[in-house]
PDB file of N, CA and C in Angstrom:
ATOM      1  N   MET A   1       2.564   6.138  36.111  1.00  0.00           N
ATOM      2  CA  MET A   1       1.390   5.754  35.348  1.00  0.00           C
ATOM      3  C   MET A   1       1.145   6.702  34.182  1.00  0.00           C
ATOM      4  N   GLU A   2       1.384   7.997  34.388  1.00  0.00           N
ATOM      5  CA  GLU A   2       1.148   8.952  33.308  1.00  0.00           C
ATOM      6  C   GLU A   2       2.140   8.777  32.164  1.00  0.00           C
ATOM      7  N   GLY A   3       3.334   8.303  32.467  1.00  0.00           N
ATOM      8  CA  GLY A   3       4.315   8.046  31.427  1.00  0.00           C
ATOM      9  C   GLY A   3       3.872   6.924  30.502  1.00  0.00           C
ATOM     10  N   ALA A   4       3.232   5.920  31.068  1.00  0.00           N
ATOM     11  CA  ALA A   4       2.735   4.805  30.250  1.00  0.00           C
ATOM     12  C   ALA A   4       1.624   5.265  29.318  1.00  0.00           C
ATOM     13  N   ILE A   5       0.796   6.158  29.798  1.00  0.00           N
ATOM     14  CA  ILE A   5      -0.287   6.688  28.951  1.00  0.00           C
ATOM     15  C   ILE A   5       0.295   7.522  27.817  1.00  0.00           C
ATOM     16  N   LEU A   6       1.301   8.332  28.119  1.00  0.00           N
ATOM     17  CA  LEU A   6       1.950   9.146  27.091  1.00  0.00           C
ATOM     18  C   LEU A   6       2.592   8.256  26.026  1.00  0.00           C
ATOM     19  N   ILE A   7       3.274   7.214  26.459  1.00  0.00           N
ATOM     20  CA  ILE A   7       3.896   6.287  25.506  1.00  0.00           C
ATOM     21  C   ILE A   7       2.838   5.600  24.655  1.00  0.00           C
ATOM     22  N   SER A   8       1.715   5.274  25.264  1.00  0.00           N
ATOM     23  CA  SER A   8       0.627   4.644  24.513  1.00  0.00           C
ATOM     24  C   SER A   8       0.092   5.578  23.426  1.00  0.00           C
ATOM     25  N   TYR A   9      -0.077   6.858  23.763  1.00  0.00           N
ATOM     26  CA  TYR A   9      -0.539   7.826  22.757  1.00  0.00           C
ATOM     27  C   TYR A   9       0.475   7.999  21.631  1.00  0.00           C
ATOM     28  N   ILE A  10       1.741   8.033  21.984  1.00  0.00           N
ATOM     29  CA  ILE A  10       2.790   8.156  20.963  1.00  0.00           C
ATOM     30  C   ILE A  10       2.792   6.925  20.059  1.00  0.00           C
ATOM     31  N   GLN A  11       2.608   5.752  20.645  1.00  0.00           N
ATOM     32  CA  GLN A  11       2.574   4.517  19.859  1.00  0.00           C
ATOM     33  C   GLN A  11       1.379   4.501  18.911  1.00  0.00           C
ATOM     34  N   ILE A  12       0.223   4.897  19.391  1.00  0.00           N
ATOM     35  CA  ILE A  12      -0.975   4.941  18.539  1.00  0.00           C
ATOM     36  C   ILE A  12      -0.780   5.933  17.399  1.00  0.00           C
ATOM     37  N   ALA A  13      -0.219   7.099  17.709  1.00  0.00           N
ATOM     38  CA  ALA A  13       0.020   8.106  16.666  1.00  0.00           C
ATOM     39  C   ALA A  13       1.024   7.596  15.632  1.00  0.00           C
ATOM     40  N   THR A  14       2.063   6.900  16.091  1.00  0.00           N
ATOM     41  CA  THR A  14       3.056   6.351  15.169  1.00  0.00           C
ATOM     42  C   THR A  14       2.432   5.299  14.257  1.00  0.00           C
ATOM     43  N   PHE A  15       1.606   4.428  14.821  1.00  0.00           N
ATOM     44  CA  PHE A  15       0.924   3.421  14.012  1.00  0.00           C
ATOM     45  C   PHE A  15       0.004   4.073  12.988  1.00  0.00           C
ATOM     46  N   PHE A  16      -0.708   5.117  13.384  1.00  0.00           N
ATOM     47  CA  PHE A  16      -1.622   5.779  12.451  1.00  0.00           C
ATOM     48  C   PHE A  16      -0.854   6.467  11.333  1.00  0.00           C
ATOM     49  N   VAL A  17       0.208   7.170  11.664  1.00  0.00           N
ATOM     50  CA  VAL A  17       0.999   7.871  10.637  1.00  0.00           C
ATOM     51  C   VAL A  17       1.619   6.862   9.668  1.00  0.00           C
ATOM     52  N   THR A  18       2.154   5.774  10.201  1.00  0.00           N
ATOM     53  CA  THR A  18       2.733   4.739   9.345  1.00  0.00           C
ATOM     54  C   THR A  18       1.665   4.110   8.451  1.00  0.00           C
ATOM     55  N   GLY A  19       0.499   3.846   9.020  1.00  0.00           N
ATOM     56  CA  GLY A  19      -0.599   3.300   8.227  1.00  0.00           C
ATOM     57  C   GLY A  19      -1.053   4.256   7.143  1.00  0.00           C
ATOM     58  N   PHE A  20      -1.083   5.545   7.454  1.00  0.00           N
ATOM     59  CA  PHE A  20      -1.469   6.544   6.459  1.00  0.00           C
ATOM     60  C   PHE A  20      -0.453   6.597   5.323  1.00  0.00           C
ATOM     61  N   ILE A  21       0.825   6.530   5.655  1.00  0.00           N
ATOM     62  CA  ILE A  21       1.868   6.544   4.620  1.00  0.00           C
ATOM     63  C   ILE A  21       1.748   5.295   3.736  1.00  0.00           C
ATOM     64  N   CYS A  22       1.504   4.145   4.350  1.00  0.00           N
ATOM     65  CA  CYS A  22       1.329   2.903   3.577  1.00  0.00           C
ATOM     66  C   CYS A  22       0.119   2.998   2.650  1.00  0.00           C
ATOM     67  N   ALA A  23      -0.971   3.554   3.156  1.00  0.00           N
ATOM     68  CA  ALA A  23      -2.170   3.713   2.331  1.00  0.00           C
ATOM     69  C   ALA A  23      -1.908   4.691   1.182  1.00  0.00           C
ATOM     70  N   ALA A  24      -1.192   5.765   1.450  1.00  0.00           N
ATOM     71  CA  ALA A  24      -0.888   6.745   0.405  1.00  0.00           C
ATOM     72  C   ALA A  24      -0.031   6.125  -0.698  1.00  0.00           C
ATOM     73  N   ILE A  25       0.948   5.322  -0.320  1.00  0.00           N
ATOM     74  CA  ILE A  25       1.802   4.658  -1.309  1.00  0.00           C
ATOM     75  C   ILE A  25       0.984   3.693  -2.168  1.00  0.00           C
ATOM     76  N   SER A  26       0.107   2.936  -1.535  1.00  0.00           N
ATOM     77  CA  SER A  26      -0.702   1.960  -2.276  1.00  0.00           C
ATOM     78  C   SER A  26      -1.690   2.645  -3.212  1.00  0.00           C
ATOM     79  N   VAL A  27      -2.333   3.700  -2.755  1.00  0.00           N
ATOM     80  CA  VAL A  27      -3.282   4.428  -3.611  1.00  0.00           C
ATOM     81  C   VAL A  27      -2.536   5.106  -4.755  1.00  0.00           C
ATOM     82  N   TRP A  28      -1.366   5.648  -4.485  1.00  0.00           N
ATOM     83  CA  TRP A  28      -0.555   6.269  -5.534  1.00  0.00           C
ATOM     84  C   TRP A  28      -0.210   5.242  -6.618  1.00  0.00           C
ATOM     85  N   ALA A  29       0.191   4.039  -6.208  1.00  0.00           N
ATOM     86  CA  ALA A  29       0.519   2.992  -7.176  1.00  0.00           C
ATOM     87  C   ALA A  29      -0.706   2.612  -8.000  1.00  0.00           C
ATOM     88  N   PHE A  30      -1.868   2.501  -7.360  1.00  0.00           N
ATOM     89  CA  PHE A  30      -3.102   2.132  -8.063  1.00  0.00           C
ATOM     90  C   PHE A  30      -3.505   3.197  -9.077  1.00  0.00           C
ATOM     91  N   VAL A  31      -3.484   4.459  -8.673  1.00  0.00           N
ATOM     92  CA  VAL A  31      -3.865   5.545  -9.579  1.00  0.00           C
ATOM     93  C   VAL A  31      -2.869   5.651 -10.732  1.00  0.00           C
ATOM     94  N   ASP A  32      -1.592   5.495 -10.436  1.00  0.00           N
ATOM     95  CA  ASP A  32      -0.586   5.550 -11.492  1.00  0.00           C
ATOM     96  C   ASP A  32      -0.776   4.407 -12.486  1.00  0.00           C
ATOM     97  N   CYS A  33      -1.124   3.239 -11.983  1.00  0.00           N
ATOM     98  CA  CYS A  33      -1.357   2.087 -12.856  1.00  0.00           C
ATOM     99  C   CYS A  33      -2.569   2.322 -13.758  1.00  0.00           C
ATOM    100  N   MET A  34      -3.583   2.995 -13.235  1.00  0.00           N
ATOM    101  CA  MET A  34      -4.782   3.257 -14.040  1.00  0.00           C
ATOM    102  C   MET A  34      -4.505   4.171 -15.227  1.00  0.00           C
ATOM    103  N   VAL A  35      -3.586   5.111 -15.087  1.00  0.00           N
ATOM    104  CA  VAL A  35      -3.368   6.081 -16.161  1.00  0.00           C
ATOM    105  C   VAL A  35      -2.376   5.603 -17.217  1.00  0.00           C
ATOM    106  N   ARG A  36      -1.673   4.514 -16.958  1.00  0.00           N
ATOM    107  CA  ARG A  36      -0.713   3.991 -17.943  1.00  0.00           C
ATOM    108  C   ARG A  36      -1.425   3.205 -19.029  1.00  0.00           C
ATOM    109  N   LYS A  37      -0.833   3.160 -20.197  1.00  0.00           N
ATOM    110  CA  LYS A  37      -1.412   2.429 -21.326  1.00  0.00           C
ATOM    111  C   LYS A  37      -1.115   0.937 -21.191  1.00  0.00           C
ATOM    112  N   GLY A  38      -2.112   0.132 -21.535  1.00  0.00           N
ATOM    113  CA  GLY A  38      -2.013  -1.316 -21.388  1.00  0.00           C
ATOM    114  C   GLY A  38      -0.902  -1.982 -22.185  1.00  0.00           C
ATOM    115  N   PRO A  39      -0.725  -1.636 -23.464  1.00  0.00           N
ATOM    116  CA  PRO A  39       0.326  -2.311 -24.255  1.00  0.00           C
ATOM    117  C   PRO A  39       1.743  -2.074 -23.746  1.00  0.00           C
ATOM    118  N   ALA A  40       1.957  -0.977 -23.033  1.00  0.00           N
ATOM    119  CA  ALA A  40       3.302  -0.697 -22.515  1.00  0.00           C
ATOM    120  C   ALA A  40       3.731  -1.724 -21.475  1.00  0.00           C
ATOM    121  N   PHE A  41       2.799  -2.287 -20.746  1.00  0.00           N
ATOM    122  CA  PHE A  41       3.131  -3.293 -19.745  1.00  0.00           C
ATOM    123  C   PHE A  41       3.689  -4.550 -20.410  1.00  0.00           C
ATOM    124  N   GLU A  42       2.981  -5.033 -21.417  1.00  0.00           N
ATOM    125  CA  GLU A  42       3.410  -6.261 -22.087  1.00  0.00           C
ATOM    126  C   GLU A  42       4.648  -6.029 -22.952  1.00  0.00           C
ATOM    127  N   ALA A  43       4.798  -4.825 -23.492  1.00  0.00           N
ATOM    128  CA  ALA A  43       5.974  -4.527 -24.309  1.00  0.00           C
ATOM    129  C   ALA A  43       7.252  -4.559 -23.475  1.00  0.00           C
ATOM    130  N   ASN A  44       7.139  -4.278 -22.191  1.00  0.00           N
ATOM    131  CA  ASN A  44       8.301  -4.290 -21.296  1.00  0.00           C
ATOM    132  C   ASN A  44       8.393  -5.566 -20.464  1.00  0.00           C
ATOM    133  N   SER A  45       7.605  -6.575 -20.818  1.00  0.00           N
ATOM    134  CA  SER A  45       7.577  -7.859 -20.106  1.00  0.00           C
ATOM    135  C   SER A  45       7.307  -7.685 -18.611  1.00  0.00           C
ATOM    136  N   LYS A  46       6.270  -6.906 -18.286  1.00  0.00           N
ATOM    137  CA  LYS A  46       5.907  -6.636 -16.895  1.00  0.00           C
ATOM    138  C   LYS A  46       4.503  -7.136 -16.573  1.00  0.00           C
ATOM    139  N   ARG A  47       4.134  -8.301 -17.047  1.00  0.00           N
ATOM    140  CA  ARG A  47       2.792  -8.860 -16.900  1.00  0.00           C
ATOM    141  C   ARG A  47       1.799  -7.971 -17.638  1.00  0.00           C
ATOM    142  N   THR A  48       0.517  -8.004 -17.229  1.00  0.00           N
ATOM    143  CA  THR A  48      -0.493  -7.209 -17.926  1.00  0.00           C
ATOM    144  C   THR A  48      -0.958  -6.073 -17.033  1.00  0.00           C
ATOM    145  N   LYS A  49      -1.610  -5.117 -17.654  1.00  0.00           N
ATOM    146  CA  LYS A  49      -2.142  -4.000 -16.891  1.00  0.00           C
ATOM    147  C   LYS A  49      -3.207  -4.486 -15.909  1.00  0.00           C
ATOM    148  N   GLY A  50      -4.023  -5.441 -16.322  1.00  0.00           N
ATOM    149  CA  GLY A  50      -5.044  -5.992 -15.439  1.00  0.00           C
ATOM    150  C   GLY A  50      -4.454  -6.638 -14.196  1.00  0.00           C
ATOM    151  N   PHE A  51      -3.344  -7.341 -14.355  1.00  0.00           N
ATOM    152  CA  PHE A  51      -2.663  -7.957 -13.214  1.00  0.00           C
ATOM    153  C   PHE A  51      -2.225  -6.895 -12.219  1.00  0.00           C
ATOM    154  N   TRP A  52      -1.581  -5.835 -12.725  1.00  0.00           N
ATOM    155  CA  TRP A  52      -1.089  -4.799 -11.823  1.00  0.00           C
ATOM    156  C   TRP A  52      -2.219  -3.960 -11.244  1.00  0.00           C
ATOM    157  N   LEU A  53      -3.292  -3.775 -12.003  1.00  0.00           N
ATOM    158  CA  LEU A  53      -4.455  -3.086 -11.430  1.00  0.00           C
ATOM    159  C   LEU A  53      -5.057  -3.894 -10.282  1.00  0.00           C
ATOM    160  N   GLY A  54      -5.161  -5.201 -10.465  1.00  0.00           N
ATOM    161  CA  GLY A  54      -5.685  -6.046  -9.400  1.00  0.00           C
ATOM    162  C   GLY A  54      -4.789  -6.060  -8.172  1.00  0.00           C
ATOM    163  N   LEU A  55      -3.488  -6.138  -8.405  1.00  0.00           N
ATOM    164  CA  LEU A  55      -2.541  -6.183  -7.298  1.00  0.00           C
ATOM    165  C   LEU A  55      -2.497  -4.864  -6.528  1.00  0.00           C
ATOM    166  N   THR A  56      -2.377  -3.756  -7.237  1.00  0.00           N
ATOM    167  CA  THR A  56      -2.324  -2.460  -6.553  1.00  0.00           C
ATOM    168  C   THR A  56      -3.687  -2.063  -5.986  1.00  0.00           C
ATOM    169  N   GLY A  57      -4.764  -2.469  -6.653  1.00  0.00           N
ATOM    170  CA  GLY A  57      -6.099  -2.194  -6.114  1.00  0.00           C
ATOM    171  C   GLY A  57      -6.342  -2.963  -4.831  1.00  0.00           C
ATOM    172  N   GLY A  58      -5.931  -4.222  -4.811  1.00  0.00           N
ATOM    173  CA  GLY A  58      -6.041  -5.012  -3.586  1.00  0.00           C
ATOM    174  C   GLY A  58      -5.167  -4.451  -2.474  1.00  0.00           C
ATOM    175  N   ALA A  59      -3.984  -3.987  -2.842  1.00  0.00           N
ATOM    176  CA  ALA A  59      -3.095  -3.379  -1.853  1.00  0.00           C
ATOM    177  C   ALA A  59      -3.725  -2.118  -1.271  1.00  0.00           C
ATOM    178  N   SER A  60      -4.350  -1.321  -2.121  1.00  0.00           N
ATOM    179  CA  SER A  60      -5.019  -0.113  -1.637  1.00  0.00           C
ATOM    180  C   SER A  60      -6.164  -0.456  -0.695  1.00  0.00           C
ATOM    181  N   LEU A  61      -6.929  -1.460  -1.052  1.00  0.00           N
ATOM    182  CA  LEU A  61      -8.049  -1.880  -0.210  1.00  0.00           C
ATOM    183  C   LEU A  61      -7.572  -2.358   1.163  1.00  0.00           C
ATOM    184  N   VAL A  62      -6.533  -3.173   1.186  1.00  0.00           N
ATOM    185  CA  VAL A  62      -6.031  -3.711   2.445  1.00  0.00           C
ATOM    186  C   VAL A  62      -5.476  -2.599   3.335  1.00  0.00           C
ATOM    187  N   THR A  63      -4.702  -1.691   2.761  1.00  0.00           N
ATOM    188  CA  THR A  63      -4.118  -0.636   3.584  1.00  0.00           C
ATOM    189  C   THR A  63      -5.175   0.354   4.061  1.00  0.00           C
ATOM    190  N   LEU A  64      -6.159   0.648   3.236  1.00  0.00           N
ATOM    191  CA  LEU A  64      -7.237   1.536   3.689  1.00  0.00           C
ATOM    192  C   LEU A  64      -8.087   0.867   4.766  1.00  0.00           C
ATOM    193  N   LEU A  65      -8.318  -0.432   4.646  1.00  0.00           N
ATOM    194  CA  LEU A  65      -9.037  -1.146   5.701  1.00  0.00           C
ATOM    195  C   LEU A  65      -8.238  -1.140   7.000  1.00  0.00           C
ATOM    196  N   GLY A  66      -6.935  -1.249   6.904  1.00  0.00           N
ATOM    197  CA  GLY A  66      -6.090  -1.178   8.090  1.00  0.00           C
ATOM    198  C   GLY A  66      -6.196   0.152   8.797  1.00  0.00           C
ATOM    199  N   LEU A  67      -6.450   1.216   8.034  1.00  0.00           N
ATOM    200  CA  LEU A  67      -6.643   2.537   8.640  1.00  0.00           C
ATOM    201  C   LEU A  67      -8.053   2.716   9.189  1.00  0.00           C
ATOM    202  N   LEU A  68      -9.036   2.297   8.435  1.00  0.00           N
ATOM    203  CA  LEU A  68     -10.421   2.570   8.797  1.00  0.00           C
ATOM    204  C   LEU A  68     -10.972   1.635   9.857  1.00  0.00           C
ATOM    205  N   VAL A  69     -10.443   0.407   9.925  1.00  0.00           N
ATOM    206  CA  VAL A  69     -10.945  -0.581  10.878  1.00  0.00           C
ATOM    207  C   VAL A  69      -9.782  -1.010  11.765  1.00  0.00           C
ATOM    208  N   PRO A  70      -9.365  -0.185  12.713  1.00  0.00           N
ATOM    209  CA  PRO A  70      -8.168  -0.498  13.484  1.00  0.00           C
ATOM    210  C   PRO A  70      -8.313  -1.682  14.422  1.00  0.00           C
ATOM    211  N   GLY A  71      -9.521  -2.037  14.830  1.00  0.00           N
ATOM    212  CA  GLY A  71      -9.684  -3.147  15.752  1.00  0.00           C
ATOM    213  C   GLY A  71     -10.166  -4.410  15.085  1.00  0.00           C
ATOM    214  N   SER A  72      -9.843  -4.600  13.815  1.00  0.00           N
ATOM    215  CA  SER A  72     -10.387  -5.730  13.061  1.00  0.00           C
ATOM    216  C   SER A  72      -9.573  -7.010  13.219  1.00  0.00           C
ATOM    217  N   GLY A  73      -8.615  -7.012  14.083  1.00  0.00           N
ATOM    218  CA  GLY A  73      -7.800  -8.210  14.273  1.00  0.00           C
ATOM    219  C   GLY A  73      -6.337  -7.902  14.057  1.00  0.00           C
ATOM    220  N   LEU A  74      -5.493  -8.830  14.452  1.00  0.00           N
ATOM    221  CA  LEU A  74      -4.052  -8.600  14.409  1.00  0.00           C
ATOM    222  C   LEU A  74      -3.529  -8.400  12.993  1.00  0.00           C
ATOM    223  N   LEU A  75      -4.106  -9.072  12.021  1.00  0.00           N
ATOM    224  CA  LEU A  75      -3.548  -9.020  10.667  1.00  0.00           C
ATOM    225  C   LEU A  75      -3.873  -7.721   9.940  1.00  0.00           C
ATOM    226  N   LEU A  76      -4.954  -7.048  10.310  1.00  0.00           N
ATOM    227  CA  LEU A  76      -5.293  -5.805   9.636  1.00  0.00           C
ATOM    228  C   LEU A  76      -5.091  -4.579  10.507  1.00  0.00           C
ATOM    229  N   SER A  77      -4.798  -4.750  11.776  1.00  0.00           N
ATOM    230  CA  SER A  77      -4.718  -3.598  12.663  1.00  0.00           C
ATOM    231  C   SER A  77      -3.292  -3.075  12.778  1.00  0.00           C
ATOM    232  N   PHE A  78      -3.115  -2.144  13.647  1.00  0.00           N
ATOM    233  CA  PHE A  78      -1.839  -1.501  13.919  1.00  0.00           C
ATOM    234  C   PHE A  78      -1.285  -0.764  12.709  1.00  0.00           C
ATOM    235  N   GLY A  79      -2.133  -0.032  12.031  1.00  0.00           N
ATOM    236  CA  GLY A  79      -1.680   0.814  10.943  1.00  0.00           C
ATOM    237  C   GLY A  79      -0.916   0.049   9.887  1.00  0.00           C
ATOM    238  N   GLY A  80       0.341   0.392   9.700  1.00  0.00           N
ATOM    239  CA  GLY A  80       1.138  -0.223   8.652  1.00  0.00           C
ATOM    240  C   GLY A  80       1.897  -1.449   9.070  1.00  0.00           C
ATOM    241  N   TYR A  81       1.597  -2.014  10.240  1.00  0.00           N
ATOM    242  CA  TYR A  81       2.400  -3.118  10.739  1.00  0.00           C
ATOM    243  C   TYR A  81       1.748  -4.486  10.642  1.00  0.00           C
ATOM    244  N   GLY A  82       0.531  -4.589  10.166  1.00  0.00           N
ATOM    245  CA  GLY A  82      -0.118  -5.887  10.034  1.00  0.00           C
ATOM    246  C   GLY A  82       0.512  -6.696   8.906  1.00  0.00           C
ATOM    247  N   LEU A  83       0.352  -7.990   8.965  1.00  0.00           N
ATOM    248  CA  LEU A  83       0.951  -8.877   7.968  1.00  0.00           C
ATOM    249  C   LEU A  83       0.456  -8.555   6.562  1.00  0.00           C
ATOM    250  N   PHE A  84      -0.847  -8.381   6.401  1.00  0.00           N
ATOM    251  CA  PHE A  84      -1.391  -8.065   5.080  1.00  0.00           C
ATOM    252  C   PHE A  84      -0.984  -6.663   4.633  1.00  0.00           C
ATOM    253  N   ASN A  85      -0.879  -5.727   5.560  1.00  0.00           N
ATOM    254  CA  ASN A  85      -0.448  -4.381   5.196  1.00  0.00           C
ATOM    255  C   ASN A  85       0.988  -4.379   4.692  1.00  0.00           C
ATOM    256  N   ILE A  86       1.832  -5.148   5.323  1.00  0.00           N
ATOM    257  CA  ILE A  86       3.230  -5.219   4.875  1.00  0.00           C
ATOM    258  C   ILE A  86       3.304  -5.839   3.476  1.00  0.00           C
ATOM    259  N   ALA A  87       2.541  -6.902   3.240  1.00  0.00           N
ATOM    260  CA  ALA A  87       2.518  -7.524   1.913  1.00  0.00           C
ATOM    261  C   ALA A  87       1.942  -6.571   0.875  1.00  0.00           C
ATOM    262  N   ALA A  88       0.913  -5.812   1.244  1.00  0.00           N
ATOM    263  CA  ALA A  88       0.286  -4.878   0.313  1.00  0.00           C
ATOM    264  C   ALA A  88       1.233  -3.753  -0.063  1.00  0.00           C
ATOM    265  N   VAL A  89       1.915  -3.192   0.900  1.00  0.00           N
ATOM    266  CA  VAL A  89       2.853  -2.101   0.603  1.00  0.00           C
ATOM    267  C   VAL A  89       4.046  -2.623  -0.181  1.00  0.00           C
ATOM    268  N   THR A  90       4.447  -3.853   0.061  1.00  0.00           N
ATOM    269  CA  THR A  90       5.529  -4.447  -0.722  1.00  0.00           C
ATOM    270  C   THR A  90       5.128  -4.585  -2.188  1.00  0.00           C
ATOM    271  N   ALA A  91       3.895  -5.036  -2.431  1.00  0.00           N
ATOM    272  CA  ALA A  91       3.414  -5.159  -3.816  1.00  0.00           C
ATOM    273  C   ALA A  91       3.342  -3.790  -4.489  1.00  0.00           C
ATOM    274  N   ALA A  92       2.835  -2.795  -3.778  1.00  0.00           N
ATOM    275  CA  ALA A  92       2.778  -1.436  -4.341  1.00  0.00           C
ATOM    276  C   ALA A  92       4.179  -0.886  -4.569  1.00  0.00           C
ATOM    277  N   GLY A  93       5.106  -1.205  -3.675  1.00  0.00           N
ATOM    278  CA  GLY A  93       6.489  -0.759  -3.836  1.00  0.00           C
ATOM    279  C   GLY A  93       7.168  -1.404  -5.034  1.00  0.00           C
ATOM    280  N   VAL A  94       6.871  -2.665  -5.274  1.00  0.00           N
ATOM    281  CA  VAL A  94       7.420  -3.335  -6.462  1.00  0.00           C
ATOM    282  C   VAL A  94       6.909  -2.655  -7.722  1.00  0.00           C
ATOM    283  N   TYR A  95       5.615  -2.328  -7.727  1.00  0.00           N
ATOM    284  CA  TYR A  95       5.075  -1.635  -8.902  1.00  0.00           C
ATOM    285  C   TYR A  95       5.784  -0.293  -9.095  1.00  0.00           C
ATOM    286  N   LEU A  96       5.905   0.494  -8.025  1.00  0.00           N
ATOM    287  CA  LEU A  96       6.478   1.832  -8.145  1.00  0.00           C
ATOM    288  C   LEU A  96       7.970   1.811  -8.474  1.00  0.00           C
ATOM    289  N   ALA A  97       8.685   0.820  -7.952  1.00  0.00           N
ATOM    290  CA  ALA A  97      10.123   0.785  -8.161  1.00  0.00           C
ATOM    291  C   ALA A  97      10.550   0.079  -9.447  1.00  0.00           C
ATOM    292  N   ASP A  98       9.771  -0.896  -9.899  1.00  0.00           N
ATOM    293  CA  ASP A  98      10.204  -1.699 -11.041  1.00  0.00           C
ATOM    294  C   ASP A  98       9.331  -1.478 -12.279  1.00  0.00           C
ATOM    295  N   VAL A  99       8.033  -1.568 -12.111  1.00  0.00           N
ATOM    296  CA  VAL A  99       7.136  -1.520 -13.264  1.00  0.00           C
ATOM    297  C   VAL A  99       6.916  -0.086 -13.752  1.00  0.00           C
ATOM    298  N   ARG A 100       6.669   0.825 -12.842  1.00  0.00           N
ATOM    299  CA  ARG A 100       6.370   2.207 -13.228  1.00  0.00           C
ATOM    300  C   ARG A 100       7.481   2.840 -14.088  1.00  0.00           C
ATOM    301  N   PRO A 101       8.763   2.750 -13.703  1.00  0.00           N
ATOM    302  CA  PRO A 101       9.787   3.350 -14.571  1.00  0.00           C
ATOM    303  C   PRO A 101       9.849   2.726 -15.963  1.00  0.00           C
ATOM    304  N   ALA A 102       9.640   1.416 -16.040  1.00  0.00           N
ATOM    305  CA  ALA A 102       9.683   0.755 -17.345  1.00  0.00           C
ATOM    306  C   ALA A 102       8.509   1.155 -18.217  1.00  0.00           C
ATOM    307  N   VAL A 103       7.327   1.262 -17.618  1.00  0.00           N
ATOM    308  CA  VAL A 103       6.122   1.593 -18.369  1.00  0.00           C
ATOM    309  C   VAL A 103       6.080   3.075 -18.707  1.00  0.00           C
ATOM    310  N   ALA A 104       6.617   3.917 -17.841  1.00  0.00           N
ATOM    311  CA  ALA A 104       6.594   5.363 -18.078  1.00  0.00           C
ATOM    312  C   ALA A 104       7.524   5.771 -19.209  1.00  0.00           C
ATOM    313  N   SER A 105       8.535   4.964 -19.485  1.00  0.00           N
ATOM    314  CA  SER A 105       9.493   5.320 -20.541  1.00  0.00           C
ATOM    315  C   SER A 105       8.921   5.133 -21.928  1.00  0.00           C
ATOM    316  N   ARG A 106       7.805   4.420 -22.044  1.00  0.00           N
ATOM    317  CA  ARG A 106       7.206   4.167 -23.354  1.00  0.00           C
ATOM    318  C   ARG A 106       6.206   5.233 -23.699  1.00  0.00           C
TER     319      ARG A 106
END
């Protein structure tokens, strides 16, 4: 019985750490998007700054809610493993991997 409790604590800690990493990535993408100049987005054919601010801001909100409200349901709970959290981190990852290098070069 004690082994099951230990595994449960390890699982909860893993979910929290993963959720924290997802939230950090999303907030990093949002803050980075805020400091970039708007015309650089359109000059590199990467949509508009407002689009990416909305996308990364929404991603930050979803991942932070996943951390702060762990019992809010299957889609927002379990740290970084909820359906919306995975979609949010994917959107932030697209910004960081594709848009940020193109916009930073200008």
